[in-house]
Protein backbone atom coordinates (compact mmCIF):
# COMPACT_ATOMS: atom_id res chain seq x y z
CA UNK A 1 122.10 155.34 187.82
CA UNK A 2 120.50 154.79 184.42
CA UNK A 3 122.19 156.09 181.26
CA UNK A 4 121.08 155.93 177.64
CA UNK A 5 123.76 155.91 174.98
CA UNK A 6 122.95 156.32 171.32
CA UNK A 7 125.09 153.89 169.32
CA UNK A 8 124.64 155.82 166.06
CA UNK A 9 128.28 156.92 165.73
CA UNK A 10 128.89 154.07 163.24
CA UNK A 11 125.77 154.85 161.24
CA UNK A 12 123.76 152.44 163.40
CA UNK A 13 120.45 154.26 163.44
CA UNK A 14 117.93 153.06 166.03
CA UNK A 15 120.63 151.21 167.99
CA UNK A 16 120.93 152.17 171.67
CA UNK A 17 122.55 151.03 174.90
CA UNK A 18 120.96 151.45 178.32
CA UNK A 19 123.27 151.20 181.32
CA UNK A 20 121.82 150.35 184.74
CA UNK A 21 124.76 150.03 187.11
CA UNK A 22 126.97 147.30 185.64
CA UNK A 23 124.15 146.01 183.41
CA UNK A 24 124.24 147.01 179.74
CA UNK A 25 121.16 146.39 177.59
CA UNK A 26 121.42 146.79 173.81
CA UNK A 27 118.33 147.72 171.82
CA UNK A 28 117.58 147.55 168.12
CA UNK A 29 114.64 149.89 167.77
CA UNK A 30 112.61 148.97 170.90
CA UNK A 31 113.74 145.33 171.15
CA UNK A 32 116.48 144.18 173.50
CA UNK A 33 118.88 142.12 171.39
CA UNK A 34 121.85 141.86 173.73
CA UNK A 35 123.05 142.37 177.27
CA UNK A 36 126.30 142.38 179.21
CA UNK A 37 127.24 142.03 182.86
CA UNK A 38 130.54 141.22 184.53
CA UNK A 39 129.17 137.75 185.32
CA UNK A 40 127.61 136.87 181.93
CA UNK A 41 129.86 138.75 179.55
CA UNK A 42 128.18 139.74 176.28
CA UNK A 43 125.06 137.73 175.41
CA UNK A 44 123.52 138.35 171.97
CA UNK A 45 120.36 136.89 170.43
CA UNK A 46 120.33 135.22 167.06
CA UNK A 47 118.74 137.39 164.38
CA UNK A 48 115.04 136.59 164.01
CA UNK A 49 114.27 140.08 162.69
CA UNK A 50 115.43 141.87 159.56
CA UNK A 51 118.50 143.31 157.87
CA UNK A 52 118.81 146.45 159.99
CA UNK A 53 118.70 144.53 163.26
CA UNK A 54 121.18 142.09 161.72
CA UNK A 55 123.55 145.04 161.19
CA UNK A 56 123.04 146.09 164.81
CA UNK A 57 123.89 142.56 165.97
CA UNK A 58 127.03 142.57 163.81
CA UNK A 59 128.15 145.91 165.30
CA UNK A 60 127.48 144.52 168.77
CA UNK A 61 129.35 141.22 168.51
CA UNK A 62 131.66 141.84 165.58
CA UNK A 63 129.66 139.45 163.37
CA UNK A 64 130.40 136.37 165.49
CA UNK A 65 127.12 134.64 164.63
CA UNK A 66 128.30 131.29 166.00
CA UNK A 67 128.28 132.71 169.56
CA UNK A 68 124.72 134.03 169.38
CA UNK A 69 122.06 132.45 171.55
CA UNK A 70 118.76 131.10 170.14
CA UNK A 71 116.16 133.80 170.74
CA UNK A 72 113.98 131.75 173.10
CA UNK A 73 117.03 131.04 175.30
CA UNK A 74 118.08 134.70 175.09
CA UNK A 75 114.63 135.82 176.24
CA UNK A 76 114.74 133.34 179.14
CA UNK A 77 118.19 134.51 180.28
CA UNK A 78 117.20 138.17 179.94
CA UNK A 79 114.00 137.65 181.96
CA UNK A 80 115.88 135.82 184.74
CA UNK A 81 118.57 138.52 184.83
CA UNK A 82 116.08 141.38 185.02
CA UNK A 83 114.00 139.63 187.70
CA UNK A 84 117.11 138.92 189.78
CA UNK A 85 117.78 142.67 189.78
CA UNK A 86 114.20 143.66 190.52
CA UNK A 87 113.66 145.14 187.06
């Protein structure tokens, strides 16, 4: 089952979560900036975008910038995860 959840309750406009089974994908505008599974836990990209996406990242991980993954590594992990699930 696929569910879309608008994350705007904290004033986070254009911040959404898509749930596909146990997979959670977090989007700032149309860009996936984070994901979570039981196996991986929360994985969040470093901010290579602007201030608004930076706010979305802070809401997602509580501002723990030191735990963010370099964007190229994030993209690699995300691609492997999606492919492993046939997405």
